[in-house]
Amino acid sequence: MPINEINKEDVQFEEYYKSLLWENDLDKKLDFIAKNVLSYGFDNKNADCTLEEMIAISKFQFLETSSEKRLTYKIANDEDGNFKLPNDLINPYGTNKEYLNKEKEFIKNPVTVLKEYAIAEADKKIDNNNLEQILWRNHCEEMIKKLRNIEKTYNNDEKKINPKITTLLINRTRYSGEAKTYEAILDKNKGGFFERLFKTTSNEYNNFKNTFKAYNDKNNELYGNKEALRTAALAYIKHKFPNLKDDEEPDYNIADNLKGTSLNRTMLCLTVLEKLKYQEKIEKLNETFNNPTIENEQKNFQKDLGNDIEDKLEVQASIDDIKNEPIKENEISNEEQR
């Protein structure tokens, strides 16, 4: 479909993700993604993310919506409990064959599909007396070149963008969008004056903090290492709750009796665990769409089905209602490290 509107606003990674959430129709969402990605850099507009990052978050959110559509479609058709979704069914409500094929290709090669949109825009007839139309055509011709340059390497580079997506998910769930970087997240969980003075920060939290930094540091060998981050987050939780069994998956209820810094840090680590699990679920769906004959995928989907609704990004409203009581500086406990 031709693009009828140019996005003239600067690109803000988090705000762009929020705008993607509003469009539930996958056909329209694909056009919306194309409009915004092709507008990248138009008329000297600024961006707080790279073109590759913008494409990655577009695809991630497209997969999120597909996951939700698959769930609602299955629930609506699963009267006897035996209904099975085809592994390659991206858009169960889609009827336009052109879009269905384009959406499959977008999951496999998003840059290629966006390049096709750019080519279509550059080939459109324009009014040669209309300066904006001339500038847009020229911009789309440049976008074709840019997209061609990253077309072969993008799928390998996509995984390198995972930490930025992890941070976005944590920020939206735990901090209502107010902590846009991992540094800002850690800053919200730093100890008080006396904790820093007497160095009572636990080894477990220091390890988590350092691992979280490494997870987001492109020059660190632990960059993007989900298992290392998961292990560090779980270690802090077990430090706070030593009776937690090794095979027991912690949930937010365990933090009910905590307060202050201990509550904040525990909630952060719990959110990290939740979002890593959610991110991996979306990545698994991506793999399934790219390899629809994967054995046992349907079995795994059935296993995860009960958790799908809880995995949506906005379900943690009740968590945000927890009152984080500030620590009084003169209430330093020598019995418990934070």
Protein backbone atom coordinates (compact mmCIF):
# COMPACT_ATOMS: atom_id res chain seq x y z
CA MET A 1 0.00 0.00 0.00
CA PRO A 2 1.29 3.50 -0.74
CA ILE A 3 2.26 5.71 2.16
CA ASN A 4 -0.14 8.62 2.34
CA GLU A 5 1.41 10.42 5.29
CA ILE A 6 4.99 11.31 6.22
CA ASN A 7 6.04 11.27 9.86
CA LYS A 8 7.79 14.59 10.41
CA GLU A 9 8.45 14.12 14.12
CA ASP A 10 11.78 13.22 15.70
CA VAL A 11 12.14 9.54 16.53
CA GLN A 12 12.10 8.67 20.23
CA PHE A 13 12.60 4.95 20.74
CA GLU A 14 10.24 4.56 23.68
CA GLU A 15 7.54 6.84 22.30
CA TYR A 16 7.67 5.07 18.96
CA TYR A 17 7.13 1.74 20.70
CA LYS A 18 4.10 3.18 22.51
CA SER A 19 2.65 4.40 19.22
CA LEU A 20 2.97 0.89 17.78
CA LEU A 21 0.86 -0.51 20.61
CA TRP A 22 -2.17 1.51 19.52
CA GLU A 23 -2.60 -0.25 16.18
CA ASN A 24 -4.05 -3.75 16.65
CA ASP A 25 -4.71 -4.55 12.99
CA LEU A 26 -1.57 -6.27 11.71
CA ASP A 27 -2.10 -5.13 8.11
CA LYS A 28 -2.39 -1.50 9.18
CA LYS A 29 0.47 -1.94 11.64
CA LEU A 30 2.79 -3.01 8.83
CA ASP A 31 1.92 0.13 6.85
CA PHE A 32 2.39 2.21 10.00
CA ILE A 33 5.84 0.68 10.55
CA ALA A 34 6.82 1.36 6.95
CA LYS A 35 5.68 4.98 7.17
CA ASN A 36 7.71 5.61 10.31
CA VAL A 37 10.84 3.71 9.34
CA LEU A 38 11.00 5.30 5.89
CA SER A 39 10.60 8.70 7.54
CA TYR A 40 13.79 8.07 9.53
CA GLY A 41 16.06 11.08 9.00
CA PHE A 42 13.65 12.84 6.62
CA ASP A 43 14.07 16.61 6.57
CA ASN A 44 16.97 16.33 9.06
CA LYS A 45 14.76 14.90 11.81
CA ASN A 46 16.62 13.51 14.80
CA ALA A 47 16.48 10.06 16.42
CA ASP A 48 17.66 8.62 19.73
CA CYS A 49 18.12 5.20 18.15
CA THR A 50 19.74 3.72 15.07
CA LEU A 51 17.79 2.68 12.01
CA GLU A 52 18.46 -0.95 12.90
CA GLU A 53 17.10 -0.43 16.41
CA MET A 54 13.96 1.16 15.02
CA ILE A 55 13.41 -1.81 12.72
CA ALA A 56 14.08 -4.27 15.55
CA ILE A 57 11.55 -2.74 17.93
CA SER A 58 9.04 -2.57 15.05
CA LYS A 59 9.40 -6.28 14.41
CA PHE A 60 9.33 -7.11 18.13
CA GLN A 61 6.07 -5.23 18.66
CA PHE A 62 4.61 -6.75 15.49
CA LEU A 63 5.36 -10.19 16.98
CA GLU A 64 3.78 -9.15 20.28
CA THR A 65 0.57 -8.25 18.51
CA SER A 66 0.66 -11.47 16.52
CA SER A 67 1.04 -13.41 19.77
CA GLU A 68 -2.02 -11.71 21.23
CA LYS A 69 -4.03 -12.29 18.04
CA ARG A 70 -3.12 -15.97 18.07
CA LEU A 71 -4.21 -16.25 21.68
CA THR A 72 -7.61 -14.60 21.20
CA TYR A 73 -8.19 -16.60 18.03
CA LYS A 74 -7.40 -19.88 19.78
CA ILE A 75 -9.65 -19.05 22.74
CA ALA A 76 -12.51 -18.19 20.38
CA ASN A 77 -12.17 -21.47 18.48
CA ASP A 78 -11.08 -23.90 21.19
CA GLU A 79 -14.48 -25.19 22.27
CA ASP A 80 -13.36 -28.76 22.94
CA GLY A 81 -9.78 -28.00 24.01
CA ASN A 82 -8.28 -29.69 20.94
CA PHE A 83 -7.98 -26.74 18.57
CA LYS A 84 -4.45 -26.31 17.23
CA LEU A 85 -3.02 -23.24 15.58
CA PRO A 86 -0.82 -23.69 12.50
CA ASN A 87 2.75 -22.82 13.42
CA ASP A 88 3.05 -20.33 10.57
CA LEU A 89 -0.23 -18.51 11.28
CA ILE A 90 0.97 -14.95 11.90
CA ASN A 91 -2.30 -13.11 11.35
CA PRO A 92 -5.29 -15.38 12.09
CA TYR A 93 -7.74 -12.58 11.31
CA GLY A 94 -6.07 -11.54 8.06
CA THR A 95 -7.96 -11.92 4.77
CA ASN A 96 -5.76 -9.97 2.36
CA LYS A 97 -3.43 -12.46 0.69
CA GLU A 98 -0.98 -9.74 -0.34
CA TYR A 99 -0.58 -8.62 3.26
CA LEU A 100 -0.43 -12.19 4.60
CA ASN A 101 2.52 -12.90 2.32
CA LYS A 102 4.13 -9.57 3.10
CA GLU A 103 3.81 -10.19 6.85
CA LYS A 104 5.49 -13.58 6.57
CA GLU A 105 8.33 -11.96 4.68
CA PHE A 106 8.53 -9.13 7.22
CA ILE A 107 9.14 -11.65 10.02
CA LYS A 108 11.88 -13.34 8.00
CA ASN A 109 13.44 -10.29 6.35
CA PRO A 110 12.07 -7.01 7.69
CA VAL A 111 14.63 -4.90 5.87
CA THR A 112 13.69 -6.45 2.52
CA VAL A 113 10.01 -5.63 3.01
CA LEU A 114 10.77 -2.09 4.10
CA LYS A 115 13.04 -1.68 1.08
CA GLU A 116 10.12 -2.73 -1.13
CA TYR A 117 7.99 -0.02 0.47
CA ALA A 118 10.78 2.49 -0.21
CA ILE A 119 11.01 1.42 -3.86
CA ALA A 120 7.25 1.82 -4.26
CA GLU A 121 7.42 5.30 -2.76
CA ALA A 122 10.35 6.34 -4.96
CA ASP A 123 8.48 5.12 -8.06
CA LYS A 124 5.25 7.01 -7.32
CA LYS A 125 4.21 9.76 -9.67
CA ILE A 126 4.63 13.13 -8.04
CA ASP A 127 3.87 16.74 -8.68
CA ASN A 128 7.20 18.18 -9.78
CA ASN A 129 6.08 21.56 -8.51
CA ASN A 130 5.55 20.19 -5.01
CA LEU A 131 8.81 20.58 -3.06
CA GLU A 132 7.82 18.18 -0.27
CA GLN A 133 6.97 15.43 -2.74
CA ILE A 134 10.33 15.92 -4.46
CA LEU A 135 12.18 15.81 -1.15
CA TRP A 136 10.26 12.70 -0.08
CA ARG A 137 11.06 10.87 -3.32
CA ASN A 138 14.73 11.77 -2.98
CA HIS A 139 14.70 10.66 0.64
CA CYS A 140 13.13 7.31 -0.27
CA GLU A 141 15.82 6.78 -2.91
CA GLU A 142 18.42 7.31 -0.19
CA MET A 143 16.53 4.95 2.12
CA ILE A 144 16.68 2.26 -0.56
CA LYS A 145 20.47 2.54 -0.50
CA LYS A 146 20.60 2.48 3.32
CA LEU A 147 18.34 -0.53 3.56
CA ARG A 148 20.32 -2.39 0.90
CA ASN A 149 23.48 -1.75 2.89
CA ILE A 150 22.08 -3.46 6.00
CA GLU A 151 19.89 -6.06 4.27
CA LYS A 152 22.36 -8.94 4.42
CA THR A 153 23.66 -8.29 7.93
CA TYR A 154 20.50 -7.18 9.73
CA ASN A 155 19.20 -10.58 10.86
CA ASN A 156 22.53 -11.34 12.55
CA ASP A 157 22.70 -7.88 14.09
CA GLU A 158 19.12 -8.02 15.37
CA LYS A 159 20.09 -10.06 18.44
CA LYS A 160 22.56 -7.35 19.45
CA ILE A 161 19.65 -4.98 19.99
CA ASN A 162 18.01 -7.23 22.62
CA PRO A 163 19.45 -5.37 25.65
CA LYS A 164 17.83 -2.10 24.52
CA ILE A 165 14.50 -3.90 24.24
CA THR A 166 14.97 -5.50 27.67
CA THR A 167 15.57 -2.08 29.22
CA LEU A 168 12.50 -0.67 27.48
CA LEU A 169 10.29 -3.47 28.83
CA ILE A 170 11.64 -3.09 32.38
CA ASN A 171 11.21 0.67 32.26
CA ARG A 172 7.61 0.49 31.04
CA THR A 173 6.57 -2.08 33.61
CA ARG A 174 8.49 -0.93 36.66
CA TYR A 175 9.06 2.79 36.15
CA SER A 176 6.16 3.93 33.94
CA GLY A 177 8.57 5.10 31.24
CA GLU A 178 10.60 7.38 33.52
CA ALA A 179 13.88 5.41 33.39
CA LYS A 180 14.83 5.14 29.74
CA THR A 181 18.37 3.82 30.23
CA TYR A 182 19.89 1.09 32.36
CA GLU A 183 21.86 3.81 34.19
CA ALA A 184 18.60 5.55 35.12
CA ILE A 185 17.16 2.25 36.33
CA LEU A 186 20.15 1.58 38.57
CA ASP A 187 20.09 5.16 39.82
CA LYS A 188 16.55 4.63 41.07
CA ASN A 189 17.84 1.75 43.19
CA LYS A 190 21.00 3.22 44.67
CA GLY A 191 21.43 3.07 48.44
CA GLY A 192 21.07 5.92 50.86
CA PHE A 193 23.87 7.97 52.36
CA PHE A 194 24.63 5.61 55.24
CA GLU A 195 24.50 2.51 53.06
CA ARG A 196 27.14 4.03 50.83
CA LEU A 197 29.13 5.37 53.78
CA PHE A 198 29.27 2.08 55.67
CA LYS A 199 29.31 -0.05 52.49
CA THR A 200 26.45 -2.27 53.58
CA THR A 201 25.33 -3.04 50.04
CA SER A 202 25.12 -6.81 49.65
CA ASN A 203 27.54 -8.67 47.40
CA GLU A 204 24.51 -10.09 45.60
CA TYR A 205 23.15 -6.68 44.65
CA ASN A 206 26.59 -5.42 43.65
CA ASN A 207 26.93 -8.47 41.40
CA PHE A 208 23.49 -7.87 39.89
CA LYS A 209 24.29 -4.20 39.29
CA ASN A 210 27.59 -5.05 37.59
CA THR A 211 25.97 -7.78 35.50
CA PHE A 212 23.17 -5.43 34.43
CA LYS A 213 25.79 -2.90 33.36
CA ALA A 214 27.71 -5.60 31.45
CA TYR A 215 24.49 -6.82 29.81
CA ASN A 216 24.08 -3.35 28.31
CA ASP A 217 27.75 -2.70 27.49
CA LYS A 218 28.55 -3.54 23.86
CA ASN A 219 32.23 -3.85 24.74
CA ASN A 220 31.66 -6.38 27.52
CA GLU A 221 31.76 -10.13 26.94
CA LEU A 222 28.45 -10.43 28.84
CA TYR A 223 26.67 -8.02 26.50
CA GLY A 224 23.21 -9.39 25.79
CA ASN A 225 23.81 -12.51 27.89
CA LYS A 226 20.33 -13.21 29.24
CA GLU A 227 21.38 -16.21 31.29
CA ALA A 228 24.04 -14.23 33.17
CA LEU A 229 21.54 -11.46 33.94
CA ARG A 230 18.88 -13.96 34.98
CA THR A 231 21.32 -15.75 37.30
CA ALA A 232 22.39 -12.47 38.94
CA ALA A 233 18.79 -11.32 39.46
CA LEU A 234 17.79 -14.67 40.94
CA ALA A 235 20.83 -14.69 43.23
CA TYR A 236 19.77 -11.37 44.76
CA ILE A 237 16.22 -12.63 45.29
CA LYS A 238 17.54 -15.77 46.98
CA HIS A 239 19.76 -13.56 49.14
CA LYS A 240 16.63 -11.78 50.35
CA PHE A 241 14.63 -15.00 50.60
CA PRO A 242 17.03 -17.82 51.53
CA ASN A 243 14.17 -20.28 52.02
CA LEU A 244 13.21 -20.05 48.35
CA LYS A 245 13.60 -23.50 46.81
CA ASP A 246 15.90 -23.99 43.85
CA ASP A 247 13.06 -25.12 41.61
CA GLU A 248 10.65 -22.47 42.88
CA GLU A 249 9.89 -19.60 40.53
CA PRO A 250 9.56 -16.37 42.57
CA ASP A 251 6.65 -14.02 41.96
CA TYR A 252 5.83 -10.49 43.05
CA ASN A 253 3.94 -11.67 46.15
CA ILE A 254 7.17 -12.53 47.96
CA ALA A 255 7.96 -8.80 48.26
CA ASP A 256 4.81 -8.00 50.26
CA ASN A 257 6.65 -7.53 53.57
CA LEU A 258 9.63 -5.59 52.25
CA LYS A 259 10.06 -1.85 52.21
CA GLY A 260 12.46 0.84 51.05
CA THR A 261 15.59 -0.11 49.13
CA SER A 262 15.09 -3.84 49.70
CA LEU A 263 11.62 -3.63 48.15
CA ASN A 264 12.82 -1.55 45.20
CA ARG A 265 15.71 -3.86 44.39
CA THR A 266 13.68 -7.02 44.80
CA MET A 267 10.96 -5.66 42.55
CA LEU A 268 13.57 -4.70 39.96
CA CYS A 269 15.07 -8.20 39.96
CA LEU A 270 11.63 -9.78 39.73
CA THR A 271 10.80 -7.51 36.79
CA VAL A 272 14.07 -8.46 35.09
CA LEU A 273 13.20 -12.16 35.41
CA GLU A 274 9.71 -11.56 34.07
CA LYS A 275 10.82 -9.50 31.09
CA LEU A 276 13.62 -11.85 30.10
CA LYS A 277 11.10 -14.70 30.09
CA TYR A 278 8.63 -12.62 28.08
CA GLN A 279 11.30 -11.54 25.62
CA GLU A 280 12.34 -15.14 25.08
CA LYS A 281 8.71 -16.10 24.44
CA ILE A 282 8.50 -13.52 21.65
CA GLU A 283 11.85 -14.68 20.27
CA LYS A 284 10.59 -18.26 20.28
CA LEU A 285 7.56 -17.17 18.28
CA ASN A 286 9.89 -15.50 15.80
CA GLU A 287 11.84 -18.75 15.43
CA THR A 288 8.61 -20.69 14.97
CA PHE A 289 7.40 -18.39 12.19
CA ASN A 290 10.76 -18.71 10.47
CA ASN A 291 10.84 -22.49 10.96
CA PRO A 292 7.17 -23.57 11.09
CA THR A 293 8.04 -27.27 11.05
CA ILE A 294 9.83 -27.10 14.40
CA GLU A 295 8.78 -30.21 16.29
CA ASN A 296 7.01 -29.80 19.63
CA GLU A 297 6.36 -26.08 19.07
CA GLN A 298 2.64 -26.62 19.43
CA LYS A 299 3.25 -28.46 22.68
CA ASN A 300 5.31 -25.56 23.99
CA PHE A 301 2.66 -23.09 22.87
CA GLN A 302 0.01 -24.98 24.81
CA LYS A 303 2.25 -24.96 27.88
CA ASP A 304 2.76 -21.21 27.66
CA LEU A 305 -0.85 -20.40 26.84
CA GLY A 306 -1.92 -19.95 30.44
CA ASN A 307 0.76 -17.31 30.95
CA ASP A 308 0.12 -15.29 27.78
CA ILE A 309 -2.39 -12.84 29.18
CA GLU A 310 -0.20 -12.10 32.19
CA ASP A 311 2.73 -11.45 29.88
CA LYS A 312 1.16 -8.37 28.31
CA LEU A 313 3.08 -5.22 29.01
CA GLU A 314 0.36 -3.35 30.87
CA VAL A 315 -0.70 -5.97 33.43
CA GLN A 316 1.57 -4.83 36.24
CA ALA A 317 -0.62 -1.89 37.30
CA SER A 318 -1.23 -3.49 40.66
CA ILE A 319 2.50 -3.76 41.25
CA ASP A 320 2.94 -0.04 40.71
CA ASP A 321 0.45 0.59 43.51
CA ILE A 322 2.86 -0.85 46.08
CA LYS A 323 3.98 1.97 48.31
CA ASN A 324 7.77 2.17 48.39
CA GLU A 325 8.47 3.53 51.83
CA PRO A 326 11.72 5.52 51.89
CA ILE A 327 14.48 4.34 54.16
CA LYS A 328 15.25 6.63 57.04
CA GLU A 329 18.94 7.34 57.13
CA ASN A 330 19.27 6.50 60.82
CA GLU A 331 17.71 3.07 60.42
CA ILE A 332 20.77 1.12 59.37
CA SER A 333 20.55 -2.60 60.03
CA ASN A 334 23.73 -4.54 60.66
CA GLU A 335 21.80 -7.80 60.47
CA GLU A 336 20.70 -7.55 56.86
CA GLN A 337 22.65 -6.39 53.83
CA ARG A 338 20.61 -4.71 51.15
